[in-house]
Amino acid sequence: MMPNKPAAKKERYCFFCVNKDVVIDYKHTDLLRRFLSSYGKIVPRKRSGVCASHQRQVASEIKRSRIIGLLPFVLK
């Protein structure tokens, strides 16, 4: 029997660092929905693949968009 080999990690790059022209803004709800789970929760960095500084910006813009009413707080 062969021992289990660890899976090779796929190199991830921050979406916003690669695409410098994309601006994180509370009005761009289509972009922000990429970083929400199916239940409407903010997706963690590990799953979204975004760097720490951009994750903080995304989270604050999602919260801003929720307060204004562009994004829902909870999806049922």
PDB file of N, CA and C in Angstrom:
ATOM      1  N   MET A   1       0.839  -1.179   0.000  1.00  0.00           N
ATOM      2  CA  MET A   1       0.000   0.000   0.000  1.00  0.00           C
ATOM      3  C   MET A   1       0.888   1.246   0.000  1.00  0.00           C
ATOM      4  N   MET A   2       0.515   2.240  -0.823  1.00  0.00           N
ATOM      5  CA  MET A   2       1.328   3.447  -0.937  1.00  0.00           C
ATOM      6  C   MET A   2       0.885   4.478   0.098  1.00  0.00           C
ATOM      7  N   PRO A   3       1.845   5.179   0.689  1.00  0.00           N
ATOM      8  CA  PRO A   3       1.466   6.231   1.642  1.00  0.00           C
ATOM      9  C   PRO A   3       0.792   7.389   0.911  1.00  0.00           C
ATOM     10  N   ASN A   4      -0.086   8.056   1.631  1.00  0.00           N
ATOM     11  CA  ASN A   4      -0.794   9.209   1.049  1.00  0.00           C
ATOM     12  C   ASN A   4       0.171  10.357   0.817  1.00  0.00           C
ATOM     13  N   LYS A   5       0.137  10.899  -0.386  1.00  0.00           N
ATOM     14  CA  LYS A   5       0.961  12.058  -0.704  1.00  0.00           C
ATOM     15  C   LYS A   5       0.149  13.317  -0.450  1.00  0.00           C
ATOM     16  N   PRO A   6       0.777  14.344   0.110  1.00  0.00           N
ATOM     17  CA  PRO A   6       0.026  15.597   0.280  1.00  0.00           C
ATOM     18  C   PRO A   6      -0.281  16.214  -1.086  1.00  0.00           C
ATOM     19  N   ALA A   7      -1.469  16.770  -1.208  1.00  0.00           N
ATOM     20  CA  ALA A   7      -1.891  17.390  -2.464  1.00  0.00           C
ATOM     21  C   ALA A   7      -1.050  18.635  -2.733  1.00  0.00           C
ATOM     22  N   ALA A   8      -0.686  18.823  -3.972  1.00  0.00           N
ATOM     23  CA  ALA A   8       0.087  20.003  -4.346  1.00  0.00           C
ATOM     24  C   ALA A   8      -0.792  21.237  -4.217  1.00  0.00           C
ATOM     25  N   LYS A   9      -0.276  22.258  -3.560  1.00  0.00           N
ATOM     26  CA  LYS A   9      -1.051  23.481  -3.369  1.00  0.00           C
ATOM     27  C   LYS A   9      -1.057  24.304  -4.643  1.00  0.00           C
ATOM     28  N   LYS A  10      -2.228  24.785  -5.008  1.00  0.00           N
ATOM     29  CA  LYS A  10      -2.355  25.637  -6.180  1.00  0.00           C
ATOM     30  C   LYS A  10      -1.979  27.058  -5.774  1.00  0.00           C
ATOM     31  N   GLU A  11      -1.128  27.673  -6.557  1.00  0.00           N
ATOM     32  CA  GLU A  11      -0.694  29.036  -6.263  1.00  0.00           C
ATOM     33  C   GLU A  11      -1.855  29.991  -6.471  1.00  0.00           C
ATOM     34  N   ARG A  12      -2.181  30.760  -5.447  1.00  0.00           N
ATOM     35  CA  ARG A  12      -3.278  31.719  -5.535  1.00  0.00           C
ATOM     36  C   ARG A  12      -2.731  33.133  -5.544  1.00  0.00           C
ATOM     37  N   TYR A  13      -3.383  33.959  -6.325  1.00  0.00           N
ATOM     38  CA  TYR A  13      -2.999  35.362  -6.394  1.00  0.00           C
ATOM     39  C   TYR A  13      -4.209  36.209  -6.062  1.00  0.00           C
ATOM     40  N   CYS A  14      -3.961  37.317  -5.406  1.00  0.00           N
ATOM     41  CA  CYS A  14      -5.040  38.240  -5.050  1.00  0.00           C
ATOM     42  C   CYS A  14      -5.654  38.805  -6.330  1.00  0.00           C
ATOM     43  N   PHE A  15      -6.978  38.733  -6.428  1.00  0.00           N
ATOM     44  CA  PHE A  15      -7.700  39.221  -7.603  1.00  0.00           C
ATOM     45  C   PHE A  15      -7.432  40.699  -7.829  1.00  0.00           C
ATOM     46  N   PHE A  16      -7.366  41.470  -6.759  1.00  0.00           N
ATOM     47  CA  PHE A  16      -7.209  42.917  -6.877  1.00  0.00           C
ATOM     48  C   PHE A  16      -5.750  43.318  -7.128  1.00  0.00           C
ATOM     49  N   CYS A  17      -4.801  42.536  -6.645  1.00  0.00           N
ATOM     50  CA  CYS A  17      -3.392  42.820  -6.926  1.00  0.00           C
ATOM     51  C   CYS A  17      -3.068  42.516  -8.380  1.00  0.00           C
ATOM     52  N   VAL A  18      -3.685  41.470  -8.939  1.00  0.00           N
ATOM     53  CA  VAL A  18      -3.457  41.111 -10.337  1.00  0.00           C
ATOM     54  C   VAL A  18      -4.145  42.109 -11.258  1.00  0.00           C
ATOM     55  N   ASN A  19      -5.395  42.461 -10.951  1.00  0.00           N
ATOM     56  CA  ASN A  19      -6.170  43.409 -11.757  1.00  0.00           C
ATOM     57  C   ASN A  19      -6.162  44.769 -11.069  1.00  0.00           C
ATOM     58  N   LYS A  20      -5.144  45.550 -11.347  1.00  0.00           N
ATOM     59  CA  LYS A  20      -4.969  46.845 -10.668  1.00  0.00           C
ATOM     60  C   LYS A  20      -6.052  47.857 -11.038  1.00  0.00           C
ATOM     61  N   ASP A  21      -6.703  47.674 -12.197  1.00  0.00           N
ATOM     62  CA  ASP A  21      -7.706  48.640 -12.640  1.00  0.00           C
ATOM     63  C   ASP A  21      -9.062  48.448 -11.961  1.00  0.00           C
ATOM     64  N   VAL A  22      -9.268  47.326 -11.275  1.00  0.00           N
ATOM     65  CA  VAL A  22     -10.539  47.074 -10.587  1.00  0.00           C
ATOM     66  C   VAL A  22     -10.545  47.825  -9.263  1.00  0.00           C
ATOM     67  N   VAL A  23     -11.592  48.624  -9.051  1.00  0.00           N
ATOM     68  CA  VAL A  23     -11.713  49.429  -7.837  1.00  0.00           C
ATOM     69  C   VAL A  23     -12.748  48.783  -6.913  1.00  0.00           C
ATOM     70  N   ILE A  24     -12.421  48.691  -5.637  1.00  0.00           N
ATOM     71  CA  ILE A  24     -13.360  48.151  -4.655  1.00  0.00           C
ATOM     72  C   ILE A  24     -14.261  49.295  -4.217  1.00  0.00           C
ATOM     73  N   ASP A  25     -15.548  49.201  -4.550  1.00  0.00           N
ATOM     74  CA  ASP A  25     -16.493  50.268  -4.242  1.00  0.00           C
ATOM     75  C   ASP A  25     -17.824  49.657  -3.823  1.00  0.00           C
ATOM     76  N   TYR A  26     -18.514  50.283  -2.893  1.00  0.00           N
ATOM     77  CA  TYR A  26     -19.774  49.741  -2.383  1.00  0.00           C
ATOM     78  C   TYR A  26     -20.863  49.708  -3.445  1.00  0.00           C
ATOM     79  N   LYS A  27     -20.724  50.488  -4.514  1.00  0.00           N
ATOM     80  CA  LYS A  27     -21.741  50.532  -5.572  1.00  0.00           C
ATOM     81  C   LYS A  27     -21.617  49.368  -6.558  1.00  0.00           C
ATOM     82  N   HIS A  28     -20.470  48.694  -6.592  1.00  0.00           N
ATOM     83  CA  HIS A  28     -20.258  47.571  -7.506  1.00  0.00           C
ATOM     84  C   HIS A  28     -20.717  46.277  -6.837  1.00  0.00           C
ATOM     85  N   THR A  29     -22.033  46.074  -6.795  1.00  0.00           N
ATOM     86  CA  THR A  29     -22.583  44.929  -6.068  1.00  0.00           C
ATOM     87  C   THR A  29     -22.265  43.601  -6.738  1.00  0.00           C
ATOM     88  N   ASP A  30     -22.127  43.582  -8.064  1.00  0.00           N
ATOM     89  CA  ASP A  30     -21.797  42.325  -8.755  1.00  0.00           C
ATOM     90  C   ASP A  30     -20.413  41.826  -8.333  1.00  0.00           C
ATOM     91  N   LEU A  31     -19.484  42.738  -8.194  1.00  0.00           N
ATOM     92  CA  LEU A  31     -18.135  42.376  -7.753  1.00  0.00           C
ATOM     93  C   LEU A  31     -18.155  41.925  -6.291  1.00  0.00           C
ATOM     94  N   LEU A  32     -18.899  42.626  -5.449  1.00  0.00           N
ATOM     95  CA  LEU A  32     -18.926  42.299  -4.026  1.00  0.00           C
ATOM     96  C   LEU A  32     -19.642  40.978  -3.767  1.00  0.00           C
ATOM     97  N   ARG A  33     -20.602  40.609  -4.609  1.00  0.00           N
ATOM     98  CA  ARG A  33     -21.313  39.329  -4.434  1.00  0.00           C
ATOM     99  C   ARG A  33     -20.385  38.134  -4.605  1.00  0.00           C
ATOM    100  N   ARG A  34     -19.282  38.320  -5.312  1.00  0.00           N
ATOM    101  CA  ARG A  34     -18.281  37.257  -5.452  1.00  0.00           C
ATOM    102  C   ARG A  34     -17.699  36.867  -4.109  1.00  0.00           C
ATOM    103  N   PHE A  35     -17.688  37.796  -3.175  1.00  0.00           N
ATOM    104  CA  PHE A  35     -17.061  37.573  -1.883  1.00  0.00           C
ATOM    105  C   PHE A  35     -18.084  37.330  -0.784  1.00  0.00           C
ATOM    106  N   LEU A  36     -19.307  36.945  -1.169  1.00  0.00           N
ATOM    107  CA  LEU A  36     -20.345  36.550  -0.231  1.00  0.00           C
ATOM    108  C   LEU A  36     -20.662  35.077  -0.436  1.00  0.00           C
ATOM    109  N   SER A  37     -20.954  34.372   0.658  1.00  0.00           N
ATOM    110  CA  SER A  37     -21.344  32.969   0.545  1.00  0.00           C
ATOM    111  C   SER A  37     -22.798  32.894   0.102  1.00  0.00           C
ATOM    112  N   SER A  38     -23.297  31.690  -0.082  1.00  0.00           N
ATOM    113  CA  SER A  38     -24.689  31.517  -0.510  1.00  0.00           C
ATOM    114  C   SER A  38     -25.667  31.974   0.581  1.00  0.00           C
ATOM    115  N   TYR A  39     -25.190  32.069   1.817  1.00  0.00           N
ATOM    116  CA  TYR A  39     -26.030  32.544   2.918  1.00  0.00           C
ATOM    117  C   TYR A  39     -25.889  34.039   3.155  1.00  0.00           C
ATOM    118  N   GLY A  40     -25.020  34.703   2.404  1.00  0.00           N
ATOM    119  CA  GLY A  40     -24.838  36.140   2.544  1.00  0.00           C
ATOM    120  C   GLY A  40     -23.729  36.528   3.502  1.00  0.00           C
ATOM    121  N   LYS A  41     -22.931  35.564   3.947  1.00  0.00           N
ATOM    122  CA  LYS A  41     -21.824  35.868   4.851  1.00  0.00           C
ATOM    123  C   LYS A  41     -20.585  36.234   4.041  1.00  0.00           C
ATOM    124  N   ILE A  42     -19.722  37.050   4.618  1.00  0.00           N
ATOM    125  CA  ILE A  42     -18.482  37.443   3.958  1.00  0.00           C
ATOM    126  C   ILE A  42     -17.534  36.246   3.965  1.00  0.00           C
ATOM    127  N   VAL A  43     -17.020  35.910   2.789  1.00  0.00           N
ATOM    128  CA  VAL A  43     -16.149  34.747   2.626  1.00  0.00           C
ATOM    129  C   VAL A  43     -14.771  35.058   3.204  1.00  0.00           C
ATOM    130  N   PRO A  44     -14.166  34.111   3.948  1.00  0.00           N
ATOM    131  CA  PRO A  44     -12.839  34.354   4.523  1.00  0.00           C
ATOM    132  C   PRO A  44     -11.736  34.394   3.459  1.00  0.00           C
ATOM    133  N   ARG A  45     -10.603  34.949   3.829  1.00  0.00           N
ATOM    134  CA  ARG A  45      -9.460  35.100   2.927  1.00  0.00           C
ATOM    135  C   ARG A  45      -9.000  33.782   2.344  1.00  0.00           C
ATOM    136  N   LYS A  46      -9.004  32.762   3.157  1.00  0.00           N
ATOM    137  CA  LYS A  46      -8.500  31.460   2.726  1.00  0.00           C
ATOM    138  C   LYS A  46      -9.293  30.935   1.532  1.00  0.00           C
ATOM    139  N   ARG A  47     -10.586  31.198   1.526  1.00  0.00           N
ATOM    140  CA  ARG A  47     -11.437  30.708   0.444  1.00  0.00           C
ATOM    141  C   ARG A  47     -11.487  31.656  -0.744  1.00  0.00           C
ATOM    142  N   SER A  48     -11.435  32.950  -0.479  1.00  0.00           N
ATOM    143  CA  SER A  48     -11.544  33.921  -1.572  1.00  0.00           C
ATOM    144  C   SER A  48     -10.206  34.143  -2.281  1.00  0.00           C
ATOM    145  N   GLY A  49      -9.093  33.937  -1.579  1.00  0.00           N
ATOM    146  CA  GLY A  49      -7.776  34.107  -2.186  1.00  0.00           C
ATOM    147  C   GLY A  49      -7.338  35.550  -2.308  1.00  0.00           C
ATOM    148  N   VAL A  50      -7.909  36.422  -1.512  1.00  0.00           N
ATOM    149  CA  VAL A  50      -7.584  37.848  -1.551  1.00  0.00           C
ATOM    150  C   VAL A  50      -6.561  38.143  -0.458  1.00  0.00           C
ATOM    151  N   CYS A  51      -5.652  39.091  -0.705  1.00  0.00           N
ATOM    152  CA  CYS A  51      -4.651  39.445   0.302  1.00  0.00           C
ATOM    153  C   CYS A  51      -5.319  40.176   1.472  1.00  0.00           C
ATOM    154  N   ALA A  52      -4.594  40.331   2.563  1.00  0.00           N
ATOM    155  CA  ALA A  52      -5.160  40.865   3.801  1.00  0.00           C
ATOM    156  C   ALA A  52      -5.690  42.292   3.645  1.00  0.00           C
ATOM    157  N   SER A  53      -4.918  43.146   2.991  1.00  0.00           N
ATOM    158  CA  SER A  53      -5.350  44.547   2.873  1.00  0.00           C
ATOM    159  C   SER A  53      -6.597  44.659   2.005  1.00  0.00           C
ATOM    160  N   HIS A  54      -6.657  43.888   0.925  1.00  0.00           N
ATOM    161  CA  HIS A  54      -7.844  43.944   0.077  1.00  0.00           C
ATOM    162  C   HIS A  54      -9.040  43.260   0.742  1.00  0.00           C
ATOM    163  N   GLN A  55      -8.806  42.240   1.572  1.00  0.00           N
ATOM    164  CA  GLN A  55      -9.908  41.590   2.288  1.00  0.00           C
ATOM    165  C   GLN A  55     -10.567  42.576   3.245  1.00  0.00           C
ATOM    166  N   ARG A  56      -9.761  43.390   3.906  1.00  0.00           N
ATOM    167  CA  ARG A  56     -10.319  44.405   4.815  1.00  0.00           C
ATOM    168  C   ARG A  56     -11.144  45.416   4.036  1.00  0.00           C
ATOM    169  N   GLN A  57     -10.651  45.839   2.873  1.00  0.00           N
ATOM    170  CA  GLN A  57     -11.397  46.791   2.042  1.00  0.00           C
ATOM    171  C   GLN A  57     -12.695  46.188   1.545  1.00  0.00           C
ATOM    172  N   VAL A  58     -12.648  44.942   1.091  1.00  0.00           N
ATOM    173  CA  VAL A  58     -13.850  44.260   0.597  1.00  0.00           C
ATOM    174  C   VAL A  58     -14.879  44.149   1.714  1.00  0.00           C
ATOM    175  N   ALA A  59     -14.437  43.741   2.909  1.00  0.00           N
ATOM    176  CA  ALA A  59     -15.357  43.581   4.032  1.00  0.00           C
ATOM    177  C   ALA A  59     -16.022  44.904   4.396  1.00  0.00           C
ATOM    178  N   SER A  60     -15.257  45.984   4.441  1.00  0.00           N
ATOM    179  CA  SER A  60     -15.847  47.275   4.813  1.00  0.00           C
ATOM    180  C   SER A  60     -16.802  47.784   3.732  1.00  0.00           C
ATOM    181  N   GLU A  61     -16.495  47.525   2.459  1.00  0.00           N
ATOM    182  CA  GLU A  61     -17.384  47.965   1.380  1.00  0.00           C
ATOM    183  C   GLU A  61     -18.661  47.122   1.348  1.00  0.00           C
ATOM    184  N   ILE A  62     -18.564  45.836   1.682  1.00  0.00           N
ATOM    185  CA  ILE A  62     -19.771  45.003   1.775  1.00  0.00           C
ATOM    186  C   ILE A  62     -20.663  45.519   2.897  1.00  0.00           C
ATOM    187  N   LYS A  63     -20.063  45.836   4.026  1.00  0.00           N
ATOM    188  CA  LYS A  63     -20.835  46.358   5.158  1.00  0.00           C
ATOM    189  C   LYS A  63     -21.486  47.690   4.807  1.00  0.00           C
ATOM    190  N   ARG A  64     -20.756  48.542   4.116  1.00  0.00           N
ATOM    191  CA  ARG A  64     -21.288  49.827   3.676  1.00  0.00           C
ATOM    192  C   ARG A  64     -22.469  49.630   2.738  1.00  0.00           C
ATOM    193  N   SER A  65     -22.314  48.703   1.809  1.00  0.00           N
ATOM    194  CA  SER A  65     -23.360  48.418   0.834  1.00  0.00           C
ATOM    195  C   SER A  65     -24.596  47.829   1.506  1.00  0.00           C
ATOM    196  N   ARG A  66     -24.399  47.042   2.549  1.00  0.00           N
ATOM    197  CA  ARG A  66     -25.537  46.473   3.292  1.00  0.00           C
ATOM    198  C   ARG A  66     -26.322  47.557   4.012  1.00  0.00           C
ATOM    199  N   ILE A  67     -25.609  48.495   4.610  1.00  0.00           N
ATOM    200  CA  ILE A  67     -26.276  49.560   5.369  1.00  0.00           C
ATOM    201  C   ILE A  67     -27.127  50.425   4.442  1.00  0.00           C
ATOM    202  N   ILE A  68     -26.600  50.721   3.238  1.00  0.00           N
ATOM    203  CA  ILE A  68     -27.345  51.533   2.281  1.00  0.00           C
ATOM    204  C   ILE A  68     -28.535  50.760   1.708  1.00  0.00           C
ATOM    205  N   GLY A  69     -28.401  49.426   1.663  1.00  0.00           N
ATOM    206  CA  GLY A  69     -29.508  48.607   1.158  1.00  0.00           C
ATOM    207  C   GLY A  69     -29.261  48.003  -0.215  1.00  0.00           C
ATOM    208  N   LEU A  70     -28.020  48.076  -0.701  1.00  0.00           N
ATOM    209  CA  LEU A  70     -27.712  47.503  -2.009  1.00  0.00           C
ATOM    210  C   LEU A  70     -27.490  45.989  -1.924  1.00  0.00           C
ATOM    211  N   LEU A  71     -26.985  45.518  -0.790  1.00  0.00           N
ATOM    212  CA  LEU A  71     -26.777  44.089  -0.574  1.00  0.00           C
ATOM    213  C   LEU A  71     -27.593  43.666   0.653  1.00  0.00           C
ATOM    214  N   PRO A  72     -28.112  42.442   0.664  1.00  0.00           N
ATOM    215  CA  PRO A  72     -28.886  41.992   1.820  1.00  0.00           C
ATOM    216  C   PRO A  72     -27.972  41.571   2.973  1.00  0.00           C
ATOM    217  N   PHE A  73     -28.493  41.643   4.191  1.00  0.00           N
ATOM    218  CA  PHE A  73     -27.737  41.173   5.346  1.00  0.00           C
ATOM    219  C   PHE A  73     -27.747  39.655   5.396  1.00  0.00           C
ATOM    220  N   VAL A  74     -28.906  39.038   5.098  1.00  0.00           N
ATOM    221  CA  VAL A  74     -29.062  37.596   5.166  1.00  0.00           C
ATOM    222  C   VAL A  74     -29.840  37.126   3.960  1.00  0.00           C
ATOM    223  N   LEU A  75     -29.434  35.986   3.392  1.00  0.00           N
ATOM    224  CA  LEU A  75     -30.204  35.357   2.314  1.00  0.00           C
ATOM    225  C   LEU A  75     -30.858  34.118   2.894  1.00  0.00           C
ATOM    226  N   LYS A  76     -32.123  33.926   2.626  1.00  0.00           N
ATOM    227  CA  LYS A  76     -32.836  32.778   3.177  1.00  0.00           C
ATOM    228  C   LYS A  76     -32.830  31.630   2.216  1.00  0.00           C
TER     229      LYS A  76
END
